[in-house]
């Protein structure tokens, strides 16, 4: 990830509703949530939610898939990992392995937690 992409991603998360949406989707894992269920859970109008989801998707943090008549949204773990990697790139004087570990690219935290049990 480059600086301009990181700025877009951080700007997308720098809004309370979008941050709530993102955190809900992280908790939901790869299965994601239906847009209507997400709007109801957050108490947000569907049109407002749609705007915020579009911004998160533009930032590469969220993806969508259609299942029948519903649209499900889920965190784009590769995009999110790219942001984390960018932020931690210079950690510990260029030795990010000293800063702790993140789930491997392409895995979500639920998969990693399953391995730890």
Protein backbone atom coordinates (compact mmCIF):
# COMPACT_ATOMS: atom_id res chain seq x y z
CA UNK A 1 0.00 0.00 0.00
CA UNK A 2 1.23 3.48 -0.82
CA UNK A 3 0.77 6.71 1.13
CA UNK A 4 -2.18 7.98 -0.94
CA UNK A 5 -4.07 4.71 -0.51
CA UNK A 6 -3.40 4.72 3.24
CA UNK A 7 -4.74 8.27 3.52
CA UNK A 8 -7.97 7.24 1.76
CA UNK A 9 -8.36 4.20 4.05
CA UNK A 10 -7.67 6.17 7.22
CA UNK A 11 -10.03 8.94 6.11
CA UNK A 12 -12.75 6.34 5.52
CA UNK A 13 -12.31 5.04 9.06
CA UNK A 14 -12.20 8.56 10.54
CA UNK A 15 -15.98 8.78 10.77
CA UNK A 16 -17.92 7.34 13.68
CA UNK A 17 -20.55 5.54 11.59
CA UNK A 18 -18.01 4.05 9.19
CA UNK A 19 -15.84 2.94 12.08
CA UNK A 20 -18.85 1.25 13.69
CA UNK A 21 -19.71 -0.45 10.39
CA UNK A 22 -16.12 -1.63 9.93
CA UNK A 23 -15.92 -3.01 13.48
CA UNK A 24 -19.25 -4.86 13.07
CA UNK A 25 -17.99 -6.40 9.85
CA UNK A 26 -14.69 -7.41 11.44
CA UNK A 27 -16.68 -9.18 14.17
CA UNK A 28 -18.81 -10.94 11.53
CA UNK A 29 -15.74 -12.41 9.81
CA UNK A 30 -15.71 -13.63 6.22
CA UNK A 31 -19.45 -14.35 6.17
CA UNK A 32 -20.18 -10.66 6.55
CA UNK A 33 -23.62 -9.20 7.14
CA UNK A 34 -26.61 -8.40 4.97
CA UNK A 35 -26.93 -4.66 4.37
CA UNK A 36 -30.40 -4.55 5.91
CA UNK A 37 -29.29 -6.37 9.04
CA UNK A 38 -26.31 -4.08 9.37
CA UNK A 39 -28.46 -0.96 9.02
CA UNK A 40 -30.90 -2.23 11.61
CA UNK A 41 -28.18 -3.23 14.08
CA UNK A 42 -26.59 0.21 13.87
CA UNK A 43 -29.84 2.16 13.72
CA UNK A 44 -28.81 3.79 10.45
CA UNK A 45 -31.07 4.53 7.48
CA UNK A 46 -30.34 2.19 4.55
CA UNK A 47 -29.42 5.09 2.24
CA UNK A 48 -27.01 6.48 4.84
CA UNK A 49 -25.46 3.04 5.32
CA UNK A 50 -25.09 2.65 1.57
CA UNK A 51 -23.09 5.89 1.40
CA UNK A 52 -20.77 4.77 4.20
CA UNK A 53 -20.28 1.29 2.73
CA UNK A 54 -19.39 2.87 -0.61
CA UNK A 55 -16.66 4.92 1.08
CA UNK A 56 -15.27 1.87 2.88
CA UNK A 57 -15.30 -0.10 -0.37
CA UNK A 58 -13.57 2.74 -2.25
CA UNK A 59 -10.88 2.64 0.44
CA UNK A 60 -10.36 -1.10 -0.14
CA UNK A 61 -11.54 -2.07 3.34
CA UNK A 62 -14.91 -3.66 2.52
CA UNK A 63 -16.28 -5.83 -0.27
CA UNK A 64 -19.79 -6.85 -1.31
CA UNK A 65 -21.41 -9.95 -2.73
CA UNK A 66 -24.95 -10.56 -3.91
CA UNK A 67 -26.78 -13.58 -2.59
CA UNK A 68 -30.23 -13.79 -4.09
CA UNK A 69 -31.92 -10.47 -3.43
CA UNK A 70 -29.60 -9.46 -0.61
CA UNK A 71 -26.21 -7.81 -0.64
CA UNK A 72 -23.76 -8.98 1.98
CA UNK A 73 -20.82 -6.87 3.05
CA UNK A 74 -17.63 -8.17 4.61
CA UNK A 75 -14.24 -6.80 5.52
CA UNK A 76 -11.68 -7.04 2.76
CA UNK A 77 -9.00 -8.66 4.89
CA UNK A 78 -6.31 -8.26 2.22
CA UNK A 79 -7.00 -4.52 1.97
CA UNK A 80 -7.10 -4.17 5.74
CA UNK A 81 -3.87 -6.12 6.07
CA UNK A 82 -2.31 -3.80 3.51
CA UNK A 83 -3.20 -0.83 5.71
CA UNK A 84 -1.79 -2.52 8.83
CA UNK A 85 1.38 -3.44 6.99
CA UNK A 86 1.78 0.13 5.76
CA UNK A 87 1.30 1.53 9.27
CA UNK A 88 3.75 -0.95 10.81
CA UNK A 89 6.35 -0.90 8.02
CA UNK A 90 8.92 1.04 10.01
CA UNK A 91 8.06 -0.48 13.39
CA UNK A 92 10.93 -1.17 15.76
CA UNK A 93 13.54 0.52 13.56
CA UNK A 94 12.60 -1.44 10.48
CA UNK A 95 12.21 -4.79 12.25
CA UNK A 96 8.40 -5.26 12.36
CA UNK A 97 8.79 -8.87 13.55
CA UNK A 98 9.68 -7.41 16.95
CA UNK A 99 6.31 -5.64 17.22
CA UNK A 100 4.16 -8.77 17.45
CA UNK A 101 2.26 -10.69 14.85
CA UNK A 102 -0.85 -10.10 12.80
CA UNK A 103 -2.88 -12.86 11.17
CA UNK A 104 -1.19 -14.05 7.97
CA UNK A 105 -2.32 -12.30 4.79
CA UNK A 106 -5.60 -13.72 3.56
CA UNK A 107 -6.76 -14.88 6.99
CA UNK A 108 -9.13 -13.21 9.36
CA UNK A 109 -8.80 -13.07 13.12
CA UNK A 110 -11.42 -15.81 13.61
CA UNK A 111 -9.31 -18.31 11.66
CA UNK A 112 -6.23 -17.33 13.65
CA UNK A 113 -8.09 -17.66 16.95
CA UNK A 114 -9.17 -21.15 15.96
CA UNK A 115 -5.52 -22.10 15.53
CA UNK A 116 -4.64 -20.77 18.98
CA UNK A 117 -7.16 -22.94 20.80
